[in-house]
Amino acid sequence: MLVLVRHGQTAANAEGRLQGRTDPPLTHVGRGQARALASMVCRGGSAPVRLLSSPLTRARETAAALGLSLSVEVDERWVELDYGELDGRRVAEVPSEAWDAWRADASWAPPGGESLAAVGERVRRACQALAREAAEADVVVVSHVSPIKAAAAWALGAGDGMAWRMHLDLASVCRIRTGPRGPVLVSFNELPAPAGPLPGPGG
């Protein structure tokens, strides 16, 4: 199984900002979210055989918090979409013309940034490279919203524009079964069960 994990919260997430190649760490809430994912990743008692991560800090911190006895392999293909000049801007501040262009054409990219089509191309290569191994055992990848949506689109045989029809929460899990007849999307946007208030900074 290919187990795809979205990272926990950062300050930019909490403030409603686009966060592509900017590299903030997890917040206290984000670290708690990452720890809560540990039991989900090993669902059914199967131990993953590999742990890959985007190179960005928020993904690597989430990978480390999963508590797997595996070294974290950084794979650049799982990095977040580059928002270019829009990186760090509040979502509500992005001009409506940009949203319209983005939704109308998967090859459109923000100035200085990357298109959904480019993300889809690199993520498909990454998924195909892992497919044979994931057919035999669980392979965990910690990444970001756009690459994980692209992987789901790959499993569904859908175009890159499918990303606009998916909602993916922070600290969520998706699962793709791979095999000789191709990939199958088993689950999307799994979330940990509520565990009550997170402990304070000293907890």
N, C-alpha and C. Protein backbone atom coordinates (compact mmCIF):
# COMPACT_ATOMS: atom_id res chain seq x y z
N MET A 1 0.84 -1.19 0.00
CA MET A 1 0.00 0.00 0.00
C MET A 1 0.88 1.26 0.00
N LEU A 2 0.49 2.22 -0.77
CA LEU A 2 1.13 3.52 -0.74
C LEU A 2 0.33 4.39 0.23
N VAL A 3 0.96 4.77 1.34
CA VAL A 3 0.28 5.52 2.40
C VAL A 3 0.79 6.96 2.35
N LEU A 4 -0.09 7.89 1.99
CA LEU A 4 0.27 9.29 1.80
C LEU A 4 -0.22 10.12 2.97
N VAL A 5 0.69 10.85 3.59
CA VAL A 5 0.40 11.61 4.80
C VAL A 5 0.61 13.09 4.53
N ARG A 6 -0.40 13.91 4.80
CA ARG A 6 -0.20 15.36 4.72
C ARG A 6 0.34 15.85 6.07
N HIS A 7 1.26 16.78 6.03
CA HIS A 7 1.92 17.30 7.23
C HIS A 7 0.94 18.00 8.17
N GLY A 8 1.38 18.24 9.39
CA GLY A 8 0.59 18.97 10.38
C GLY A 8 0.64 20.48 10.16
N GLN A 9 -0.03 21.18 11.04
CA GLN A 9 -0.22 22.63 10.91
C GLN A 9 1.07 23.43 11.09
N THR A 10 1.20 24.48 10.28
CA THR A 10 2.22 25.51 10.48
C THR A 10 1.52 26.83 10.76
N ALA A 11 2.28 27.85 11.11
CA ALA A 11 1.68 29.17 11.34
C ALA A 11 1.01 29.70 10.07
N ALA A 12 1.61 29.43 8.92
CA ALA A 12 1.01 29.89 7.66
C ALA A 12 -0.34 29.22 7.42
N ASN A 13 -0.44 27.93 7.73
CA ASN A 13 -1.73 27.25 7.63
C ASN A 13 -2.76 27.91 8.53
N ALA A 14 -2.35 28.17 9.77
CA ALA A 14 -3.28 28.75 10.74
C ALA A 14 -3.76 30.14 10.31
N GLU A 15 -2.91 30.85 9.56
CA GLU A 15 -3.25 32.21 9.11
C GLU A 15 -3.94 32.23 7.75
N GLY A 16 -4.17 31.06 7.17
CA GLY A 16 -4.85 31.00 5.89
C GLY A 16 -4.02 31.51 4.73
N ARG A 17 -2.72 31.22 4.75
CA ARG A 17 -1.82 31.68 3.69
C ARG A 17 -1.44 30.54 2.75
N LEU A 18 -1.23 30.86 1.49
CA LEU A 18 -0.66 29.90 0.56
C LEU A 18 0.75 29.58 1.03
N GLN A 19 1.08 28.32 1.00
CA GLN A 19 2.37 27.88 1.53
C GLN A 19 2.96 26.84 0.59
N GLY A 20 3.83 27.32 -0.27
CA GLY A 20 4.45 26.42 -1.22
C GLY A 20 5.85 26.06 -0.80
N ARG A 21 6.83 26.82 -1.27
CA ARG A 21 8.22 26.51 -0.97
C ARG A 21 8.73 27.27 0.25
N THR A 22 7.90 28.14 0.86
CA THR A 22 8.29 28.70 2.15
C THR A 22 8.44 27.55 3.14
N ASP A 23 9.28 27.71 4.14
CA ASP A 23 9.68 26.54 4.93
C ASP A 23 9.56 26.73 6.44
N PRO A 24 8.37 27.05 6.94
CA PRO A 24 8.20 27.18 8.38
C PRO A 24 8.10 25.81 9.05
N PRO A 25 8.40 25.75 10.34
CA PRO A 25 8.24 24.49 11.08
C PRO A 25 6.78 24.27 11.48
N LEU A 26 6.51 23.12 12.04
CA LEU A 26 5.19 22.85 12.61
C LEU A 26 4.96 23.72 13.84
N THR A 27 3.71 24.06 14.07
CA THR A 27 3.32 24.69 15.32
C THR A 27 3.19 23.61 16.40
N HIS A 28 2.91 24.04 17.63
CA HIS A 28 2.63 23.08 18.70
C HIS A 28 1.45 22.20 18.32
N VAL A 29 0.42 22.82 17.75
CA VAL A 29 -0.74 22.05 17.29
C VAL A 29 -0.32 21.06 16.21
N GLY A 30 0.50 21.50 15.28
CA GLY A 30 0.96 20.64 14.20
C GLY A 30 1.76 19.45 14.70
N ARG A 31 2.58 19.65 15.71
CA ARG A 31 3.35 18.54 16.26
C ARG A 31 2.42 17.51 16.91
N GLY A 32 1.39 18.00 17.59
CA GLY A 32 0.40 17.08 18.17
C GLY A 32 -0.35 16.32 17.10
N GLN A 33 -0.71 17.01 16.02
CA GLN A 33 -1.38 16.34 14.91
C GLN A 33 -0.51 15.24 14.32
N ALA A 34 0.78 15.54 14.17
CA ALA A 34 1.70 14.56 13.58
C ALA A 34 1.80 13.32 14.47
N ARG A 35 1.88 13.51 15.77
CA ARG A 35 1.96 12.36 16.69
C ARG A 35 0.69 11.52 16.61
N ALA A 36 -0.45 12.19 16.44
CA ALA A 36 -1.73 11.48 16.39
C ALA A 36 -1.86 10.61 15.15
N LEU A 37 -1.04 10.88 14.14
CA LEU A 37 -1.10 10.09 12.90
C LEU A 37 -0.41 8.74 13.02
N ALA A 38 0.43 8.58 14.03
CA ALA A 38 1.28 7.39 14.12
C ALA A 38 0.47 6.10 14.07
N SER A 39 -0.61 6.02 14.85
CA SER A 39 -1.39 4.78 14.89
C SER A 39 -2.15 4.55 13.59
N MET A 40 -2.49 5.62 12.87
CA MET A 40 -3.20 5.47 11.60
C MET A 40 -2.30 4.91 10.51
N VAL A 41 -1.05 5.34 10.52
CA VAL A 41 -0.13 4.92 9.47
C VAL A 41 0.09 3.41 9.51
N CYS A 42 0.13 2.86 10.71
CA CYS A 42 0.35 1.41 10.88
C CYS A 42 -0.96 0.67 11.08
N ARG A 43 -2.00 1.09 10.42
CA ARG A 43 -3.32 0.47 10.56
C ARG A 43 -3.24 -1.00 10.18
N GLY A 44 -3.85 -1.84 10.99
CA GLY A 44 -3.84 -3.26 10.71
C GLY A 44 -2.61 -3.97 11.19
N GLY A 45 -1.72 -3.22 11.86
CA GLY A 45 -0.53 -3.85 12.44
C GLY A 45 0.61 -4.08 11.47
N SER A 46 0.45 -3.67 10.21
CA SER A 46 1.53 -3.87 9.25
C SER A 46 2.58 -2.78 9.41
N ALA A 47 3.83 -3.16 9.44
CA ALA A 47 4.92 -2.21 9.62
C ALA A 47 5.41 -1.75 8.26
N PRO A 48 5.42 -0.44 8.00
CA PRO A 48 5.94 0.07 6.72
C PRO A 48 7.40 -0.32 6.53
N VAL A 49 7.79 -0.43 5.27
CA VAL A 49 9.17 -0.81 4.96
C VAL A 49 10.00 0.39 4.51
N ARG A 50 9.33 1.48 4.12
CA ARG A 50 10.06 2.69 3.72
C ARG A 50 9.28 3.92 4.17
N LEU A 51 10.03 5.01 4.42
CA LEU A 51 9.45 6.29 4.83
C LEU A 51 10.11 7.38 4.00
N LEU A 52 9.32 8.00 3.13
CA LEU A 52 9.82 9.08 2.29
C LEU A 52 9.17 10.39 2.71
N SER A 53 9.84 11.50 2.37
CA SER A 53 9.33 12.80 2.74
C SER A 53 9.72 13.86 1.71
N SER A 54 8.86 14.84 1.58
CA SER A 54 9.23 16.09 0.91
C SER A 54 10.44 16.69 1.64
N PRO A 55 11.25 17.48 0.97
CA PRO A 55 12.40 18.10 1.65
C PRO A 55 12.03 19.21 2.61
N LEU A 56 10.80 19.70 2.59
CA LEU A 56 10.44 20.85 3.43
C LEU A 56 10.30 20.44 4.90
N THR A 57 10.63 21.40 5.78
CA THR A 57 10.72 21.13 7.22
C THR A 57 9.43 20.56 7.78
N ARG A 58 8.29 21.11 7.39
CA ARG A 58 7.01 20.66 7.97
C ARG A 58 6.73 19.20 7.65
N ALA A 59 7.16 18.74 6.47
CA ALA A 59 6.97 17.34 6.12
C ALA A 59 7.96 16.46 6.86
N ARG A 60 9.22 16.88 6.93
CA ARG A 60 10.23 16.07 7.61
C ARG A 60 9.94 15.96 9.10
N GLU A 61 9.44 17.04 9.72
CA GLU A 61 9.06 16.97 11.14
C GLU A 61 7.89 16.01 11.35
N THR A 62 6.93 16.04 10.45
CA THR A 62 5.80 15.12 10.55
C THR A 62 6.27 13.68 10.39
N ALA A 63 7.16 13.44 9.44
CA ALA A 63 7.68 12.08 9.24
C ALA A 63 8.39 11.58 10.49
N ALA A 64 9.19 12.44 11.12
CA ALA A 64 9.91 12.03 12.33
C ALA A 64 8.95 11.73 13.47
N ALA A 65 7.84 12.48 13.54
CA ALA A 65 6.88 12.30 14.64
C ALA A 65 6.07 11.02 14.53
N LEU A 66 6.10 10.37 13.37
CA LEU A 66 5.32 9.14 13.20
C LEU A 66 5.88 8.00 14.04
N GLY A 67 7.13 8.11 14.49
CA GLY A 67 7.71 7.10 15.37
C GLY A 67 8.03 5.79 14.69
N LEU A 68 8.23 5.81 13.39
CA LEU A 68 8.59 4.60 12.67
C LEU A 68 10.09 4.35 12.80
N SER A 69 10.47 3.12 12.90
CA SER A 69 11.90 2.78 13.03
C SER A 69 12.54 2.70 11.65
N LEU A 70 12.42 3.81 10.92
CA LEU A 70 12.94 3.89 9.56
C LEU A 70 13.62 5.23 9.36
N SER A 71 14.66 5.25 8.57
CA SER A 71 15.27 6.53 8.23
C SER A 71 14.38 7.24 7.23
N VAL A 72 14.37 8.57 7.28
CA VAL A 72 13.54 9.38 6.39
C VAL A 72 14.32 9.63 5.10
N GLU A 73 13.76 9.18 3.99
CA GLU A 73 14.36 9.40 2.67
C GLU A 73 13.71 10.63 2.04
N VAL A 74 14.49 11.65 1.75
CA VAL A 74 13.96 12.87 1.14
C VAL A 74 13.85 12.67 -0.37
N ASP A 75 12.68 12.97 -0.91
CA ASP A 75 12.44 12.86 -2.35
C ASP A 75 11.85 14.18 -2.83
N GLU A 76 12.59 14.89 -3.66
CA GLU A 76 12.20 16.21 -4.15
C GLU A 76 10.88 16.18 -4.93
N ARG A 77 10.53 15.04 -5.48
CA ARG A 77 9.31 14.97 -6.29
C ARG A 77 8.05 15.17 -5.47
N TRP A 78 8.15 15.03 -4.14
CA TRP A 78 7.00 15.18 -3.27
C TRP A 78 6.90 16.56 -2.63
N VAL A 79 7.72 17.52 -3.10
CA VAL A 79 7.67 18.87 -2.55
C VAL A 79 6.37 19.56 -2.98
N GLU A 80 5.96 20.57 -2.22
CA GLU A 80 4.71 21.27 -2.52
C GLU A 80 4.83 22.07 -3.82
N LEU A 81 3.68 22.34 -4.43
CA LEU A 81 3.60 23.22 -5.59
C LEU A 81 4.27 24.56 -5.27
N ASP A 82 4.99 25.10 -6.24
CA ASP A 82 5.63 26.41 -6.08
C ASP A 82 4.62 27.49 -6.46
N TYR A 83 4.21 28.28 -5.49
CA TYR A 83 3.23 29.33 -5.74
C TYR A 83 3.86 30.61 -6.30
N GLY A 84 5.16 30.63 -6.47
CA GLY A 84 5.81 31.79 -7.06
C GLY A 84 5.53 33.06 -6.29
N GLU A 85 5.09 34.09 -7.01
CA GLU A 85 4.84 35.40 -6.38
C GLU A 85 3.67 35.36 -5.40
N LEU A 86 2.85 34.31 -5.45
CA LEU A 86 1.71 34.21 -4.53
C LEU A 86 2.07 33.53 -3.22
N ASP A 87 3.27 32.97 -3.14
CA ASP A 87 3.66 32.24 -1.92
C ASP A 87 3.64 33.16 -0.71
N GLY A 88 2.97 32.72 0.34
CA GLY A 88 2.88 33.49 1.57
C GLY A 88 1.70 34.45 1.60
N ARG A 89 0.99 34.60 0.50
CA ARG A 89 -0.15 35.51 0.47
C ARG A 89 -1.37 34.83 1.07
N ARG A 90 -2.20 35.59 1.78
CA ARG A 90 -3.45 35.03 2.29
C ARG A 90 -4.34 34.61 1.11
N VAL A 91 -5.02 33.48 1.31
CA VAL A 91 -5.87 32.95 0.24
C VAL A 91 -6.89 34.00 -0.20
N ALA A 92 -7.45 34.72 0.75
CA ALA A 92 -8.47 35.72 0.43
C ALA A 92 -7.91 36.89 -0.37
N GLU A 93 -6.60 37.05 -0.38
CA GLU A 93 -5.97 38.17 -1.08
C GLU A 93 -5.58 37.83 -2.53
N VAL A 94 -5.69 36.58 -2.90
CA VAL A 94 -5.34 36.19 -4.27
C VAL A 94 -6.41 36.73 -5.22
N PRO A 95 -6.01 37.44 -6.28
CA PRO A 95 -7.00 38.02 -7.21
C PRO A 95 -7.91 36.95 -7.82
N SER A 96 -9.15 37.29 -8.01
CA SER A 96 -10.11 36.33 -8.57
C SER A 96 -9.69 35.89 -9.96
N GLU A 97 -9.01 36.79 -10.71
CA GLU A 97 -8.55 36.43 -12.05
C GLU A 97 -7.56 35.26 -11.99
N ALA A 98 -6.73 35.24 -10.94
CA ALA A 98 -5.77 34.15 -10.79
C ALA A 98 -6.49 32.83 -10.51
N TRP A 99 -7.48 32.85 -9.62
CA TRP A 99 -8.24 31.63 -9.34
C TRP A 99 -8.94 31.12 -10.60
N ASP A 100 -9.52 32.04 -11.39
CA ASP A 100 -10.22 31.64 -12.61
C ASP A 100 -9.25 30.99 -13.60
N ALA A 101 -8.08 31.59 -13.78
CA ALA A 101 -7.09 31.03 -14.71
C ALA A 101 -6.61 29.67 -14.24
N TRP A 102 -6.37 29.56 -12.95
CA TRP A 102 -5.89 28.30 -12.36
C TRP A 102 -6.89 27.17 -12.60
N ARG A 103 -8.16 27.45 -12.35
CA ARG A 103 -9.19 26.42 -12.48
C ARG A 103 -9.48 26.06 -13.94
N ALA A 104 -9.28 27.02 -14.84
CA ALA A 104 -9.61 26.79 -16.23
C ALA A 104 -8.53 26.01 -16.98
N ASP A 105 -7.28 26.07 -16.50
CA ASP A 105 -6.17 25.51 -17.27
C ASP A 105 -5.12 24.94 -16.33
N ALA A 106 -4.97 23.61 -16.33
CA ALA A 106 -4.00 22.97 -15.43
C ALA A 106 -2.56 23.33 -15.77
N SER A 107 -2.33 23.86 -16.97
CA SER A 107 -0.97 24.25 -17.34
C SER A 107 -0.65 25.68 -16.93
N TRP A 108 -1.62 26.42 -16.38
CA TRP A 108 -1.37 27.79 -15.93
C TRP A 108 -0.56 27.75 -14.64
N ALA A 109 0.36 28.69 -14.51
CA ALA A 109 1.16 28.79 -13.29
C ALA A 109 1.20 30.23 -12.81
N PRO A 110 1.23 30.45 -11.49
CA PRO A 110 1.41 31.81 -10.98
C PRO A 110 2.76 32.36 -11.46
N PRO A 111 2.91 33.65 -11.56
CA PRO A 111 4.19 34.21 -11.98
C PRO A 111 5.34 33.69 -11.12
N GLY A 112 6.33 33.10 -11.77
CA GLY A 112 7.47 32.55 -11.04
C GLY A 112 7.20 31.22 -10.38
N GLY A 113 6.01 30.63 -10.62
CA GLY A 113 5.62 29.41 -9.91
C GLY A 113 5.48 28.21 -10.82
N GLU A 114 4.68 27.26 -10.40
CA GLU A 114 4.57 25.95 -11.02
C GLU A 114 3.11 25.63 -11.29
N SER A 115 2.83 24.93 -12.37
CA SER A 115 1.46 24.57 -12.71
C SER A 115 1.06 23.25 -12.06
N LEU A 116 -0.25 23.02 -12.00
CA LEU A 116 -0.75 21.74 -11.52
C LEU A 116 -0.29 20.61 -12.44
N ALA A 117 -0.19 20.89 -13.73
CA ALA A 117 0.27 19.87 -14.67
C ALA A 117 1.70 19.45 -14.37
N ALA A 118 2.55 20.41 -14.01
CA ALA A 118 3.94 20.08 -13.68
C ALA A 118 4.02 19.25 -12.40
N VAL A 119 3.19 19.59 -11.40
CA VAL A 119 3.14 18.80 -10.18
C VAL A 119 2.68 17.38 -10.50
N GLY A 120 1.62 17.28 -11.31
CA GLY A 120 1.09 15.97 -11.67
C GLY A 120 2.12 15.11 -12.37
N GLU A 121 2.91 15.70 -13.24
CA GLU A 121 3.92 14.93 -13.98
C GLU A 121 4.97 14.35 -13.04
N ARG A 122 5.49 15.16 -12.13
CA ARG A 122 6.54 14.64 -11.22
C ARG A 122 5.98 13.65 -10.20
N VAL A 123 4.75 13.88 -9.76
CA VAL A 123 4.16 12.96 -8.78
C VAL A 123 3.82 11.62 -9.43
N ARG A 124 3.35 11.63 -10.66
CA ARG A 124 3.10 10.36 -11.35
C ARG A 124 4.38 9.54 -11.48
N ARG A 125 5.48 10.21 -11.79
CA ARG A 125 6.76 9.50 -11.87
C ARG A 125 7.13 8.90 -10.52
N ALA A 126 6.91 9.67 -9.46
CA ALA A 126 7.23 9.18 -8.11
C ALA A 126 6.36 7.99 -7.74
N CYS A 127 5.07 8.06 -8.05
CA CYS A 127 4.16 6.96 -7.73
C CYS A 127 4.53 5.69 -8.51
N GLN A 128 4.82 5.86 -9.78
CA GLN A 128 5.18 4.71 -10.60
C GLN A 128 6.47 4.05 -10.11
N ALA A 129 7.40 4.87 -9.61
CA ALA A 129 8.65 4.33 -9.10
C ALA A 129 8.44 3.51 -7.83
N LEU A 130 7.39 3.82 -7.07
CA LEU A 130 7.13 3.14 -5.81
C LEU A 130 6.10 2.01 -5.94
N ALA A 131 5.42 1.94 -7.07
CA ALA A 131 4.26 1.06 -7.20
C ALA A 131 4.59 -0.40 -6.94
N ARG A 132 5.67 -0.90 -7.49
CA ARG A 132 5.98 -2.32 -7.33
C ARG A 132 6.27 -2.64 -5.87
N GLU A 133 7.05 -1.79 -5.21
CA GLU A 133 7.36 -2.05 -3.80
C GLU A 133 6.12 -1.92 -2.92
N ALA A 134 5.28 -0.93 -3.22
CA ALA A 134 4.06 -0.72 -2.44
C ALA A 134 3.05 -1.84 -2.63
N ALA A 135 3.18 -2.60 -3.70
CA ALA A 135 2.29 -3.75 -3.90
C ALA A 135 2.61 -4.88 -2.92
N GLU A 136 3.82 -4.88 -2.38
CA GLU A 136 4.27 -5.94 -1.48
C GLU A 136 4.20 -5.54 -0.01
N ALA A 137 4.36 -4.25 0.29
CA ALA A 137 4.39 -3.78 1.68
C ALA A 137 4.05 -2.30 1.70
N ASP A 138 3.76 -1.79 2.89
CA ASP A 138 3.39 -0.38 3.01
C ASP A 138 4.60 0.53 2.84
N VAL A 139 4.44 1.54 1.99
CA VAL A 139 5.43 2.59 1.79
C VAL A 139 4.76 3.91 2.18
N VAL A 140 5.35 4.63 3.14
CA VAL A 140 4.76 5.87 3.65
C VAL A 140 5.47 7.06 3.01
N VAL A 141 4.67 8.01 2.54
CA VAL A 141 5.20 9.25 1.97
C VAL A 141 4.54 10.42 2.69
N VAL A 142 5.35 11.32 3.25
CA VAL A 142 4.83 12.52 3.92
C VAL A 142 5.02 13.69 2.96
N SER A 143 3.91 14.34 2.63
CA SER A 143 3.96 15.37 1.59
C SER A 143 2.98 16.50 1.89
N HIS A 144 2.42 17.07 0.84
CA HIS A 144 1.63 18.29 0.92
C HIS A 144 0.34 18.13 0.13
N VAL A 145 -0.51 19.13 0.21
CA VAL A 145 -1.85 19.02 -0.36
C VAL A 145 -1.82 18.77 -1.87
N SER A 146 -1.03 19.53 -2.62
CA SER A 146 -1.07 19.40 -4.08
C SER A 146 -0.49 18.08 -4.57
N PRO A 147 0.68 17.64 -4.09
CA PRO A 147 1.19 16.34 -4.53
C PRO A 147 0.28 15.17 -4.15
N ILE A 148 -0.33 15.23 -2.97
CA ILE A 148 -1.20 14.11 -2.57
C ILE A 148 -2.45 14.07 -3.44
N LYS A 149 -3.01 15.23 -3.75
CA LYS A 149 -4.14 15.26 -4.69
C LYS A 149 -3.72 14.72 -6.06
N ALA A 150 -2.52 15.06 -6.49
CA ALA A 150 -2.02 14.57 -7.78
C ALA A 150 -1.88 13.05 -7.75
N ALA A 151 -1.44 12.49 -6.63
CA ALA A 151 -1.33 11.04 -6.51
C ALA A 151 -2.71 10.39 -6.56
N ALA A 152 -3.70 11.01 -5.92
CA ALA A 152 -5.07 10.48 -5.97
C ALA A 152 -5.60 10.52 -7.40
N ALA A 153 -5.31 11.60 -8.12
CA ALA A 153 -5.74 11.70 -9.51
C ALA A 153 -5.07 10.61 -10.36
N TRP A 154 -3.79 10.33 -10.07
CA TRP A 154 -3.07 9.24 -10.76
C TRP A 154 -3.79 7.91 -10.53
N ALA A 155 -4.17 7.65 -9.29
CA ALA A 155 -4.84 6.39 -8.97
C ALA A 155 -6.19 6.29 -9.68
N LEU A 156 -6.87 7.41 -9.84
CA LEU A 156 -8.20 7.42 -10.46
C LEU A 156 -8.15 7.53 -11.98
N GLY A 157 -6.95 7.73 -12.53
CA GLY A 157 -6.84 7.94 -13.97
C GLY A 157 -7.46 9.25 -14.40
N ALA A 158 -7.43 10.25 -13.53
CA ALA A 158 -8.06 11.54 -13.79
C ALA A 158 -7.02 12.60 -14.16
N GLY A 159 -7.48 13.69 -14.73
CA GLY A 159 -6.60 14.77 -15.12
C GLY A 159 -6.15 15.61 -13.94
N ASP A 160 -5.18 16.47 -14.19
CA ASP A 160 -4.62 17.30 -13.12
C ASP A 160 -5.63 18.28 -12.55
N GLY A 161 -6.61 18.69 -13.34
CA GLY A 161 -7.63 19.61 -12.84
C GLY A 161 -8.54 19.00 -11.78
N MET A 162 -8.47 17.68 -11.59
CA MET A 162 -9.27 17.01 -10.55
C MET A 162 -8.95 17.57 -9.17
N ALA A 163 -7.77 18.15 -9.00
CA ALA A 163 -7.38 18.70 -7.70
C ALA A 163 -8.40 19.69 -7.14
N TRP A 164 -9.07 20.42 -8.02
CA TRP A 164 -10.04 21.42 -7.56
C TRP A 164 -11.31 20.77 -7.01
N ARG A 165 -11.49 19.48 -7.24
CA ARG A 165 -12.70 18.78 -6.78
C ARG A 165 -12.43 17.91 -5.56
N MET A 166 -11.28 18.13 -4.91
CA MET A 166 -10.91 17.37 -3.72
C MET A 166 -10.63 18.32 -2.57
N HIS A 167 -10.99 17.88 -1.37
CA HIS A 167 -10.62 18.61 -0.15
C HIS A 167 -9.75 17.69 0.70
N LEU A 168 -8.58 18.19 1.10
CA LEU A 168 -7.64 17.40 1.88
C LEU A 168 -7.23 18.19 3.12
N ASP A 169 -7.54 17.65 4.29
CA ASP A 169 -7.22 18.33 5.54
C ASP A 169 -5.74 18.18 5.90
N LEU A 170 -5.28 19.08 6.75
CA LEU A 170 -3.98 18.91 7.38
C LEU A 170 -3.97 17.61 8.18
N ALA A 171 -2.80 17.00 8.30
CA ALA A 171 -2.61 15.80 9.12
C ALA A 171 -3.64 14.72 8.77
N SER A 172 -3.74 14.44 7.49
CA SER A 172 -4.66 13.42 7.00
C SER A 172 -3.88 12.33 6.27
N VAL A 173 -4.56 11.22 6.02
CA VAL A 173 -3.94 10.06 5.38
C VAL A 173 -4.78 9.62 4.18
N CYS A 174 -4.10 9.27 3.10
CA CYS A 174 -4.74 8.67 1.93
C CYS A 174 -4.01 7.36 1.63
N ARG A 175 -4.72 6.40 1.06
CA ARG A 175 -4.12 5.10 0.76
C ARG A 175 -4.41 4.70 -0.68
N ILE A 176 -3.36 4.26 -1.35
CA ILE A 176 -3.47 3.79 -2.73
C ILE A 176 -2.91 2.38 -2.80
N ARG A 177 -3.75 1.44 -3.23
CA ARG A 177 -3.29 0.07 -3.45
C ARG A 177 -2.74 -0.05 -4.86
N THR A 178 -1.57 -0.64 -4.97
CA THR A 178 -0.96 -0.82 -6.28
C THR A 178 -0.85 -2.30 -6.60
N GLY A 179 -0.84 -2.61 -7.87
CA GLY A 179 -0.74 -4.01 -8.26
C GLY A 179 -0.67 -4.13 -9.77
N PRO A 180 -0.68 -5.34 -10.30
CA PRO A 180 -0.50 -5.56 -11.74
C PRO A 180 -1.61 -4.96 -12.60
N ARG A 181 -2.78 -4.72 -12.01
CA ARG A 181 -3.89 -4.14 -12.78
C ARG A 181 -4.01 -2.64 -12.58
N GLY A 182 -3.00 -2.05 -11.96
CA GLY A 182 -2.99 -0.60 -11.79
C GLY A 182 -3.38 -0.16 -10.39
N PRO A 183 -3.28 1.13 -10.13
CA PRO A 183 -3.55 1.65 -8.79
C PRO A 183 -5.04 1.78 -8.50
N VAL A 184 -5.37 1.68 -7.21
CA VAL A 184 -6.75 1.85 -6.73
C VAL A 184 -6.72 2.77 -5.51
N LEU A 185 -7.53 3.82 -5.54
CA LEU A 185 -7.64 4.72 -4.39
C LEU A 185 -8.51 4.05 -3.33
N VAL A 186 -7.89 3.65 -2.22
CA VAL A 186 -8.59 2.91 -1.16
C VAL A 186 -9.26 3.87 -0.18
N SER A 187 -8.59 4.96 0.16
CA SER A 187 -9.17 5.94 1.08
C SER A 187 -8.59 7.31 0.79
N PHE A 188 -9.34 8.34 1.20
CA PHE A 188 -8.91 9.72 0.96
C PHE A 188 -9.32 10.57 2.16
N ASN A 189 -8.38 11.36 2.66
CA ASN A 189 -8.65 12.31 3.75
C ASN A 189 -9.08 11.62 5.05
N GLU A 190 -8.42 10.53 5.40
CA GLU A 190 -8.63 9.92 6.72
C GLU A 190 -8.06 10.86 7.79
N LEU A 191 -8.80 10.99 8.90
CA LEU A 191 -8.36 11.85 10.00
C LEU A 191 -8.32 11.05 11.30
N PRO A 192 -7.40 11.40 12.21
CA PRO A 192 -7.38 10.72 13.51
C PRO A 192 -8.67 10.98 14.28
N ALA A 193 -9.05 10.04 15.11
CA ALA A 193 -10.21 10.24 15.98
C ALA A 193 -9.89 11.35 16.98
N PRO A 194 -10.86 12.20 17.30
CA PRO A 194 -10.62 13.26 18.28
C PRO A 194 -10.13 12.68 19.60
N ALA A 195 -9.10 13.32 20.14
CA ALA A 195 -8.50 12.81 21.38
C ALA A 195 -8.58 13.80 22.52
N GLY A 196 -9.46 14.78 22.41
CA GLY A 196 -9.57 15.79 23.45
C GLY A 196 -8.53 16.86 23.26
N PRO A 197 -8.46 17.84 24.18
CA PRO A 197 -7.52 18.94 24.05
C PRO A 197 -6.07 18.46 24.02
N LEU A 198 -5.28 19.14 23.19
CA LEU A 198 -3.86 18.84 23.17
C LEU A 198 -3.20 19.34 24.46
N PRO A 199 -2.14 18.68 24.93
CA PRO A 199 -1.48 19.17 26.13
C PRO A 199 -0.82 20.51 25.90
N GLY A 200 -0.60 21.25 26.97
CA GLY A 200 0.07 22.53 26.89
C GLY A 200 1.54 22.37 26.54
N PRO A 201 2.26 23.48 26.39
CA PRO A 201 3.65 23.41 25.98
C PRO A 201 4.50 22.54 26.89
N GLY A 202 4.14 22.43 28.16
CA GLY A 202 4.96 21.63 29.09
C GLY A 202 4.54 20.18 29.13
N GLY A 203 3.46 19.78 28.33
CA GLY A 203 2.93 18.44 28.42
C GLY A 203 3.63 17.45 27.53
